[in-house]
C-alpha atoms as a PDB file:
ATOM      1  CA  ARG A   1      -2.100   1.956   4.032  1.00  0.00           C
ATOM      2  CA  ARG A   2      -1.420  -1.615   2.983  1.00  0.00           C
ATOM      3  CA  LEU A   3      -2.649  -2.904   6.379  1.00  0.00           C
ATOM      4  CA  LEU A   4      -5.831  -0.875   6.060  1.00  0.00           C
ATOM      5  CA  ARG A   5      -6.562  -2.248   2.616  1.00  0.00           C
ATOM      6  CA  THR A   6      -5.584  -5.843   3.037  1.00  0.00           C
ATOM      7  CA  ARG A   7      -6.492  -6.468   6.778  1.00  0.00           C
ATOM      8  CA  ALA A   8      -8.720  -3.593   7.707  1.00  0.00           C
ATOM      9  CA  LEU A   9      -6.239  -2.518  10.363  1.00  0.00           C
ATOM     10  CA  LEU A  10      -5.502   1.183  11.034  1.00  0.00           C
ATOM     11  CA  VAL A  11      -2.460   2.274  12.976  1.00  0.00           C
ATOM     12  CA  LEU A  12      -2.397   5.691  14.606  1.00  0.00           C
ATOM     13  CA  ARG A  13       0.148   7.489  16.799  1.00  0.00           C
ATOM     14  CA  VAL A  14      -1.426   8.649  19.959  1.00  0.00           C
ATOM     15  CA  PRO A  15       0.239  11.313  22.058  1.00  0.00           C
ATOM     16  CA  ARG A  16       1.172  10.338  25.641  1.00  0.00           C
ATOM     17  CA  PRO A  17      -0.961  11.947  28.379  1.00  0.00           C
ATOM     18  CA  PRO A  18       0.938  14.486  30.522  1.00  0.00           C
ATOM     19  CA  LEU A  19       2.488  13.095  33.649  1.00  0.00           C
ATOM     20  CA  LEU A  20       0.716  14.043  36.873  1.00  0.00           C
ATOM     21  CA  ARG A  21       3.378  14.784  39.422  1.00  0.00           C
ATOM     22  CA  THR A  22       1.310  15.579  42.468  1.00  0.00           C
ATOM     23  CA  GLU A  23      -0.642  13.172  44.631  1.00  0.00           C
ATOM     24  CA  TRP A  24      -4.187  13.946  45.662  1.00  0.00           C
ATOM     25  CA  PHE A  25      -7.174  12.460  47.608  1.00  0.00           C
ATOM     26  CA  HIS A  26     -10.760  13.379  47.451  1.00  0.00           C
ATOM     27  CA  TRP A  27     -13.651  12.377  49.778  1.00  0.00           C
ATOM     28  CA  VAL A  28     -16.701  11.563  47.661  1.00  0.00           C
ATOM     29  CA  LEU A  29     -18.792  11.053  50.799  1.00  0.00           C
ATOM     30  CA  ASP A  30     -17.212  13.095  53.691  1.00  0.00           C
ATOM     31  CA  PRO A  31     -16.576  11.146  56.905  1.00  0.00           C
ATOM     32  CA  PRO A  32     -18.366  11.821  60.109  1.00  0.00           C
ATOM     33  CA  GLU A  33     -16.547  13.540  63.060  1.00  0.00           C
ATOM     34  CA  ASP A  34     -16.065  10.385  65.148  1.00  0.00           C
ATOM     35  CA  LEU A  35     -14.299   7.579  63.330  1.00  0.00           C
ATOM     36  CA  ARG A  36     -13.035   5.560  66.317  1.00  0.00           C
ATOM     37  CA  ALA A  37     -15.516   2.681  65.942  1.00  0.00           C
ATOM     38  CA  CYS A  38     -15.237   2.454  62.075  1.00  0.00           C
ATOM     39  CA  THR A  39     -13.428  -0.046  59.894  1.00  0.00           C
ATOM     40  CA  TRP A  40     -11.306   1.342  57.067  1.00  0.00           C
ATOM     41  CA  TYR A  41     -10.870  -0.594  53.786  1.00  0.00           C
ATOM     42  CA  ILE A  42      -8.201   0.377  51.188  1.00  0.00           C
ATOM     43  CA  ASP A  43      -7.415  -0.689  47.700  1.00  0.00           C
ATOM     44  CA  GLY A  44      -4.664   0.304  45.239  1.00  0.00           C
ATOM     45  CA  SER A  45      -4.520  -0.639  41.550  1.00  0.00           C
ATOM     46  CA  LEU A  46      -2.596  -0.214  38.386  1.00  0.00           C
ATOM     47  CA  GLN A  47      -4.162  -0.024  34.855  1.00  0.00           C
ATOM     48  CA  ASP A  48      -2.284  -0.475  31.596  1.00  0.00           C
ATOM     49  CA  GLY A  49       0.837  -1.692  33.299  1.00  0.00           C
ATOM     50  CA  ALA A  50       2.300  -3.195  30.158  1.00  0.00           C
ATOM     51  CA  TRP A  51       2.787   0.219  28.543  1.00  0.00           C
ATOM     52  CA  THR A  52       5.009   2.316  30.769  1.00  0.00           C
ATOM     53  CA  ALA A  53       3.891   5.672  29.166  1.00  0.00           C
ATOM     54  CA  PHE A  54       0.195   4.954  29.731  1.00  0.00           C
ATOM     55  CA  ARG A  55       0.366   3.430  33.315  1.00  0.00           C
ATOM     56  CA  ALA A  56      -2.134   4.747  35.725  1.00  0.00           C
ATOM     57  CA  THR A  57      -2.147   4.034  39.418  1.00  0.00           C
ATOM     58  CA  GLY A  58      -5.008   4.950  41.778  1.00  0.00           C
ATOM     59  CA  PHE A  59      -6.470   3.989  45.150  1.00  0.00           C
ATOM     60  CA  GLY A  60      -9.606   4.124  47.122  1.00  0.00           C
ATOM     61  CA  ILE A  61     -10.631   4.243  50.747  1.00  0.00           C
ATOM     62  CA  ALA A  62     -13.960   3.183  52.260  1.00  0.00           C
ATOM     63  CA  VAL A  63     -15.079   3.611  55.899  1.00  0.00           C
ATOM     64  CA  VAL A  64     -17.711   1.416  57.334  1.00  0.00           C
ATOM     65  CA  SER A  65     -19.399   1.908  60.654  1.00  0.00           C
ATOM     66  CA  GLU A  66     -20.089  -0.791  63.356  1.00  0.00           C
ATOM     67  CA  ALA A  67     -23.516  -1.216  61.950  1.00  0.00           C
ATOM     68  CA  GLN A  68     -21.920  -2.140  58.541  1.00  0.00           C
ATOM     69  CA  GLU A  69     -23.149   1.069  56.886  1.00  0.00           C
ATOM     70  CA  LEU A  70     -20.939   2.935  54.455  1.00  0.00           C
ATOM     71  CA  VAL A  71     -20.082   6.233  56.190  1.00  0.00           C
ATOM     72  CA  ALA A  72     -17.411   7.546  53.922  1.00  0.00           C
ATOM     73  CA  TYR A  73     -15.484   6.841  50.783  1.00  0.00           C
ATOM     74  CA  GLY A  74     -12.918   8.532  48.491  1.00  0.00           C
ATOM     75  CA  HIS A  75     -10.329   8.046  45.767  1.00  0.00           C
ATOM     76  CA  GLY A  76      -6.960   9.396  44.942  1.00  0.00           C
ATOM     77  CA  CYS A  77      -3.814   9.236  42.847  1.00  0.00           C
ATOM     78  CA  PRO A  78      -0.494   8.383  44.351  1.00  0.00           C
ATOM     79  CA  PRO A  79       2.743  10.242  43.393  1.00  0.00           C
ATOM     80  CA  HIS A  80       4.303   9.453  39.979  1.00  0.00           C
ATOM     81  CA  TRP A  81       6.970   7.202  41.412  1.00  0.00           C
ATOM     82  CA  CYS A  82       4.317   4.679  42.602  1.00  0.00           C
ATOM     83  CA  SER A  83       4.585   2.650  39.476  1.00  0.00           C
ATOM     84  CA  ASN A  84       2.887  -0.594  40.426  1.00  0.00           C
ATOM     85  CA  ALA A  85      -0.228  -1.864  42.280  1.00  0.00           C
ATOM     86  CA  ALA A  86       1.745  -2.742  45.516  1.00  0.00           C
ATOM     87  CA  ALA A  87       3.070   0.846  45.631  1.00  0.00           C
ATOM     88  CA  ALA A  88      -0.405   2.236  45.155  1.00  0.00           C
ATOM     89  CA  GLU A  89      -1.736  -0.006  47.889  1.00  0.00           C
ATOM     90  CA  GLY A  90       0.986   1.179  50.192  1.00  0.00           C
ATOM     91  CA  TRP A  91       0.163   4.844  49.434  1.00  0.00           C
ATOM     92  CA  ALA A  92      -3.467   4.080  50.229  1.00  0.00           C
ATOM     93  CA  LEU A  93      -2.463   2.728  53.593  1.00  0.00           C
ATOM     94  CA  LEU A  94      -0.258   5.814  54.267  1.00  0.00           C
ATOM     95  CA  THR A  95      -3.185   8.145  53.276  1.00  0.00           C
ATOM     96  CA  ALA A  96      -5.653   6.211  55.562  1.00  0.00           C
ATOM     97  CA  LEU A  97      -3.200   6.490  58.411  1.00  0.00           C
ATOM     98  CA  ARG A  98      -2.773  10.233  57.831  1.00  0.00           C
ATOM     99  CA  LEU A  99      -6.514  10.806  57.724  1.00  0.00           C
ATOM    100  CA  ASN A 100      -7.409   8.574  60.741  1.00  0.00           C
END
Protein backbone atom coordinates (compact mmCIF):
# COMPACT_ATOMS: atom_id res chain seq x y z
CA ARG A 1 0.00 0.00 0.00
CA ARG A 2 2.84 2.36 0.77
CA LEU A 3 4.21 2.03 -2.79
CA LEU A 4 0.78 2.72 -4.21
CA ARG A 5 0.31 5.91 -2.16
CA THR A 6 3.83 7.30 -2.48
CA ARG A 7 4.92 6.20 -5.97
CA ALA A 8 1.74 5.10 -7.75
CA LEU A 9 3.10 1.55 -8.06
CA LEU A 10 0.89 -1.47 -7.63
CA VAL A 11 2.34 -4.93 -7.08
CA LEU A 12 0.26 -8.01 -7.87
CA ARG A 13 0.94 -11.73 -7.66
CA VAL A 14 0.10 -13.32 -10.98
CA PRO A 15 -0.37 -17.09 -11.17
CA ARG A 16 1.96 -18.95 -13.47
CA PRO A 17 0.33 -20.31 -16.64
CA PRO A 18 0.10 -24.10 -16.87
CA LEU A 19 3.03 -25.85 -18.52
CA LEU A 20 2.23 -27.22 -21.97
CA ARG A 21 3.97 -30.59 -22.16
CA THR A 22 3.16 -31.63 -25.72
CA GLU A 23 4.61 -30.22 -28.89
CA TRP A 24 2.37 -29.30 -31.82
CA PHE A 25 2.46 -27.86 -35.32
CA HIS A 26 -0.39 -26.34 -37.34
CA TRP A 27 -0.41 -25.38 -41.02
CA VAL A 28 -2.20 -22.03 -41.43
CA LEU A 29 -1.98 -22.35 -45.20
CA ASP A 30 -1.79 -26.01 -46.22
CA PRO A 31 1.07 -26.95 -48.55
CA PRO A 32 0.50 -28.21 -52.09
CA GLU A 33 1.09 -31.86 -53.00
CA ASP A 34 4.45 -31.33 -54.72
CA LEU A 35 7.06 -29.53 -52.59
CA ARG A 36 10.20 -30.69 -54.40
CA ALA A 37 11.00 -27.34 -56.04
CA CYS A 38 10.11 -25.25 -52.97
CA THR A 39 12.36 -23.50 -50.48
CA TRP A 40 11.64 -23.93 -46.78
CA TYR A 41 12.31 -21.18 -44.23
CA ILE A 42 12.28 -21.81 -40.47
CA ASP A 43 12.50 -19.63 -37.39
CA GLY A 44 12.49 -20.40 -33.68
CA SER A 45 12.17 -17.87 -30.89
CA LEU A 46 11.95 -17.38 -27.14
CA GLN A 47 9.82 -14.80 -25.37
CA ASP A 48 10.22 -13.67 -21.74
CA GLY A 49 13.46 -15.60 -21.32
CA ALA A 50 14.45 -13.72 -18.16
CA TRP A 51 11.58 -15.23 -16.18
CA THR A 52 11.81 -19.02 -16.17
CA ALA A 53 8.18 -19.57 -15.18
CA PHE A 54 6.91 -17.40 -18.05
CA ARG A 55 9.24 -18.49 -20.86
CA ALA A 56 7.52 -19.26 -24.12
CA THR A 57 9.19 -20.87 -27.11
CA GLY A 58 7.69 -21.17 -30.56
CA PHE A 59 8.60 -21.66 -34.18
CA GLY A 60 7.35 -20.98 -37.67
CA ILE A 61 7.79 -22.57 -41.07
CA ALA A 62 7.23 -20.89 -44.43
CA VAL A 63 7.38 -22.60 -47.83
CA VAL A 64 8.08 -20.54 -50.97
CA SER A 65 7.77 -21.72 -54.58
CA GLU A 66 10.33 -21.22 -57.36
CA ALA A 67 8.26 -18.24 -58.50
CA GLN A 68 8.84 -16.65 -55.05
CA GLU A 69 5.20 -17.14 -54.03
CA LEU A 70 4.26 -18.12 -50.50
CA VAL A 71 2.62 -21.54 -50.88
CA ALA A 72 2.40 -22.67 -47.24
CA TYR A 73 3.10 -21.49 -43.71
CA GLY A 74 2.47 -22.68 -40.20
CA HIS A 75 3.46 -22.32 -36.56
CA GLY A 76 4.07 -24.56 -33.61
CA CYS A 77 5.30 -25.07 -30.10
CA PRO A 78 8.32 -27.26 -29.31
CA PRO A 79 8.40 -29.62 -26.30
CA HIS A 80 8.71 -28.11 -22.83
CA TRP A 81 12.40 -29.03 -22.55
CA CYS A 82 13.25 -26.63 -25.43
CA SER A 83 14.10 -23.77 -23.11
CA ASN A 84 15.92 -21.35 -25.41
CA ALA A 85 15.72 -19.90 -28.93
CA ALA A 86 18.42 -22.21 -30.29
CA ALA A 87 16.48 -25.29 -29.17
CA ALA A 88 13.28 -23.89 -30.72
CA GLU A 89 15.17 -23.30 -33.97
CA GLY A 90 16.46 -26.87 -33.87
CA TRP A 91 12.95 -28.18 -33.28
CA ALA A 92 11.71 -26.13 -36.25
CA LEU A 93 14.39 -27.75 -38.42
CA LEU A 94 13.42 -31.23 -37.19
CA THR A 95 9.74 -30.53 -37.88
CA ALA A 96 10.53 -29.24 -41.40
CA LEU A 97 12.56 -32.38 -42.12
CA ARG A 98 9.72 -34.58 -40.88
CA LEU A 99 7.18 -32.76 -43.06
CA ASN A 100 9.30 -32.64 -46.21
